[in-house]
């Protein structure tokens, strides 16, 4: 599963809204929606901002393969 889908699932399971992400990151609602629905690529700085807003590290949403 890709990172954006993991973030979207985490938001849904945690009851966190996209509006919360927008407020914490300064990103527009359209940008957040486009990222989470994979209509556009997420930049590294955006990923870092979203993780920070959620109190998570980037590794928390990455798949680690052995």
N, C-alpha and C. Protein backbone atom coordinates (compact mmCIF):
# COMPACT_ATOMS: atom_id res chain seq x y z
N UNK A 1 0.85 -1.18 0.00
CA UNK A 1 0.00 0.00 0.00
C UNK A 1 0.89 1.24 0.00
N UNK A 2 0.50 2.23 -0.76
CA UNK A 2 1.29 3.44 -0.85
C UNK A 2 1.05 4.35 0.35
N UNK A 3 1.98 5.23 0.57
CA UNK A 3 1.97 6.11 1.74
C UNK A 3 0.68 6.92 1.83
N UNK A 4 0.23 7.51 0.73
CA UNK A 4 -0.96 8.35 0.76
C UNK A 4 -2.18 7.56 1.26
N UNK A 5 -2.29 6.31 0.82
CA UNK A 5 -3.41 5.48 1.25
C UNK A 5 -3.30 5.12 2.72
N UNK A 6 -2.09 4.92 3.19
CA UNK A 6 -1.90 4.63 4.61
C UNK A 6 -2.29 5.85 5.46
N UNK A 7 -1.92 7.03 5.00
CA UNK A 7 -2.29 8.25 5.72
C UNK A 7 -3.80 8.42 5.72
N UNK A 8 -4.43 8.24 4.56
CA UNK A 8 -5.88 8.38 4.46
C UNK A 8 -6.58 7.38 5.38
N UNK A 9 -6.10 6.15 5.43
CA UNK A 9 -6.69 5.15 6.31
C UNK A 9 -6.52 5.54 7.78
N UNK A 10 -5.32 6.04 8.12
CA UNK A 10 -5.06 6.47 9.50
C UNK A 10 -6.02 7.61 9.89
N UNK A 11 -6.21 8.56 8.99
CA UNK A 11 -7.13 9.67 9.28
C UNK A 11 -8.54 9.15 9.53
N UNK A 12 -8.99 8.26 8.66
CA UNK A 12 -10.33 7.70 8.79
C UNK A 12 -10.49 6.93 10.09
N UNK A 13 -9.54 6.08 10.40
CA UNK A 13 -9.62 5.26 11.61
C UNK A 13 -9.50 6.10 12.89
N UNK A 14 -8.81 7.23 12.80
CA UNK A 14 -8.59 8.08 13.97
C UNK A 14 -9.61 9.20 14.11
N UNK A 15 -10.47 9.33 13.11
CA UNK A 15 -11.47 10.40 13.14
C UNK A 15 -10.88 11.78 12.91
N UNK A 16 -9.75 11.84 12.23
CA UNK A 16 -9.09 13.11 11.93
C UNK A 16 -9.54 13.58 10.56
N UNK A 17 -9.92 14.84 10.47
CA UNK A 17 -10.43 15.38 9.21
C UNK A 17 -9.31 15.96 8.35
N UNK A 18 -9.61 16.06 7.07
CA UNK A 18 -8.69 16.73 6.16
C UNK A 18 -8.57 18.21 6.54
N UNK A 19 -9.64 18.78 7.07
CA UNK A 19 -9.61 20.18 7.50
C UNK A 19 -8.56 20.39 8.59
N UNK A 20 -8.43 19.41 9.49
CA UNK A 20 -7.41 19.48 10.53
C UNK A 20 -6.01 19.51 9.90
N UNK A 21 -5.79 18.67 8.90
CA UNK A 21 -4.50 18.63 8.21
C UNK A 21 -4.24 19.98 7.53
N UNK A 22 -5.25 20.52 6.89
CA UNK A 22 -5.11 21.82 6.22
C UNK A 22 -4.71 22.90 7.22
N UNK A 23 -5.39 22.93 8.34
CA UNK A 23 -5.12 23.95 9.36
C UNK A 23 -3.70 23.82 9.90
N UNK A 24 -3.27 22.60 10.17
CA UNK A 24 -1.96 22.37 10.76
C UNK A 24 -0.81 22.56 9.77
N UNK A 25 -1.06 22.29 8.49
CA UNK A 25 0.02 22.34 7.50
C UNK A 25 0.02 23.60 6.65
N UNK A 26 -1.13 24.27 6.58
CA UNK A 26 -1.24 25.43 5.70
C UNK A 26 -1.52 25.07 4.25
N UNK A 27 -1.74 23.80 3.98
CA UNK A 27 -2.06 23.37 2.62
C UNK A 27 -3.54 23.63 2.35
N UNK A 28 -3.86 23.83 1.09
CA UNK A 28 -5.25 24.06 0.72
C UNK A 28 -6.03 22.75 0.80
N UNK A 29 -7.34 22.85 1.01
CA UNK A 29 -8.16 21.64 1.03
C UNK A 29 -8.05 20.82 -0.25
N UNK A 30 -7.99 21.50 -1.39
CA UNK A 30 -7.86 20.78 -2.66
C UNK A 30 -6.55 20.02 -2.72
N UNK A 31 -5.48 20.64 -2.27
CA UNK A 31 -4.17 19.98 -2.31
C UNK A 31 -4.16 18.74 -1.42
N UNK A 32 -4.68 18.86 -0.20
CA UNK A 32 -4.72 17.71 0.71
C UNK A 32 -5.58 16.60 0.11
N UNK A 33 -6.74 16.96 -0.41
CA UNK A 33 -7.62 15.97 -1.02
C UNK A 33 -6.94 15.29 -2.20
N UNK A 34 -6.31 16.06 -3.07
CA UNK A 34 -5.63 15.49 -4.24
C UNK A 34 -4.50 14.55 -3.83
N UNK A 35 -3.80 14.89 -2.77
CA UNK A 35 -2.72 14.01 -2.28
C UNK A 35 -3.31 12.71 -1.75
N UNK A 36 -4.32 12.80 -0.90
CA UNK A 36 -4.86 11.61 -0.26
C UNK A 36 -5.63 10.71 -1.21
N UNK A 37 -6.15 11.26 -2.30
CA UNK A 37 -6.86 10.45 -3.30
C UNK A 37 -5.94 10.09 -4.46
N UNK A 38 -4.68 10.43 -4.32
CA UNK A 38 -3.63 10.11 -5.30
C UNK A 38 -3.87 10.71 -6.68
N UNK A 39 -4.48 11.89 -6.71
CA UNK A 39 -4.65 12.59 -7.97
C UNK A 39 -3.38 13.36 -8.32
N UNK A 40 -2.52 13.54 -7.33
CA UNK A 40 -1.26 14.24 -7.54
C UNK A 40 -0.21 13.62 -6.64
N UNK A 41 1.03 13.84 -6.99
CA UNK A 41 2.12 13.33 -6.17
C UNK A 41 2.33 14.20 -4.94
N UNK A 42 2.72 13.57 -3.86
CA UNK A 42 3.01 14.30 -2.63
C UNK A 42 4.51 14.60 -2.60
N UNK A 43 4.84 15.85 -2.37
CA UNK A 43 6.24 16.25 -2.26
C UNK A 43 6.77 15.85 -0.88
N UNK A 44 8.08 15.73 -0.76
CA UNK A 44 8.72 15.33 0.50
C UNK A 44 8.40 16.32 1.61
N UNK A 45 8.40 17.61 1.31
CA UNK A 45 8.11 18.60 2.35
C UNK A 45 6.66 18.52 2.81
N UNK A 46 5.76 18.18 1.91
CA UNK A 46 4.36 18.01 2.28
C UNK A 46 4.19 16.77 3.17
N UNK A 47 4.89 15.71 2.82
CA UNK A 47 4.84 14.49 3.63
C UNK A 47 5.33 14.77 5.04
N UNK A 48 6.42 15.49 5.12
CA UNK A 48 6.97 15.84 6.43
C UNK A 48 5.98 16.69 7.24
N UNK A 49 5.33 17.64 6.59
CA UNK A 49 4.36 18.50 7.27
C UNK A 49 3.15 17.73 7.76
N UNK A 50 2.67 16.80 6.94
CA UNK A 50 1.52 15.99 7.33
C UNK A 50 1.89 15.10 8.52
N UNK A 51 3.04 14.47 8.46
CA UNK A 51 3.49 13.62 9.57
C UNK A 51 3.61 14.43 10.85
N UNK A 52 4.19 15.62 10.75
CA UNK A 52 4.35 16.47 11.92
C UNK A 52 2.99 16.86 12.49
N UNK A 53 2.04 17.18 11.63
CA UNK A 53 0.70 17.56 12.07
C UNK A 53 0.02 16.41 12.81
N UNK A 54 0.35 15.19 12.42
CA UNK A 54 -0.26 14.01 13.04
C UNK A 54 0.54 13.49 14.22
N UNK A 55 1.69 14.11 14.49
CA UNK A 55 2.53 13.64 15.58
C UNK A 55 3.18 12.31 15.27
N UNK A 56 3.44 12.07 14.00
CA UNK A 56 4.04 10.82 13.53
C UNK A 56 5.37 11.11 12.85
N UNK A 57 6.15 10.06 12.64
CA UNK A 57 7.37 10.20 11.87
C UNK A 57 7.10 9.69 10.46
N UNK A 58 7.89 10.10 9.48
CA UNK A 58 7.69 9.58 8.13
C UNK A 58 7.75 8.06 8.06
N UNK A 59 8.55 7.45 8.90
CA UNK A 59 8.65 5.99 8.89
C UNK A 59 7.36 5.30 9.33
N UNK A 60 6.52 6.00 10.08
CA UNK A 60 5.28 5.39 10.55
C UNK A 60 4.35 5.00 9.43
N UNK A 61 4.45 5.63 8.29
CA UNK A 61 3.55 5.34 7.16
C UNK A 61 4.25 4.60 6.02
N UNK A 62 5.51 4.28 6.20
CA UNK A 62 6.27 3.60 5.15
C UNK A 62 6.27 2.10 5.39
N UNK A 63 6.27 1.38 4.31
CA UNK A 63 6.34 -0.08 4.39
C UNK A 63 7.81 -0.48 4.41
N UNK A 64 8.17 -1.26 5.38
CA UNK A 64 9.55 -1.73 5.50
C UNK A 64 9.59 -3.17 5.04
N UNK A 65 10.47 -3.42 4.09
CA UNK A 65 10.62 -4.78 3.57
C UNK A 65 11.99 -5.31 3.97
N UNK A 66 12.00 -6.55 4.37
CA UNK A 66 13.27 -7.17 4.79
C UNK A 66 13.97 -7.82 3.62
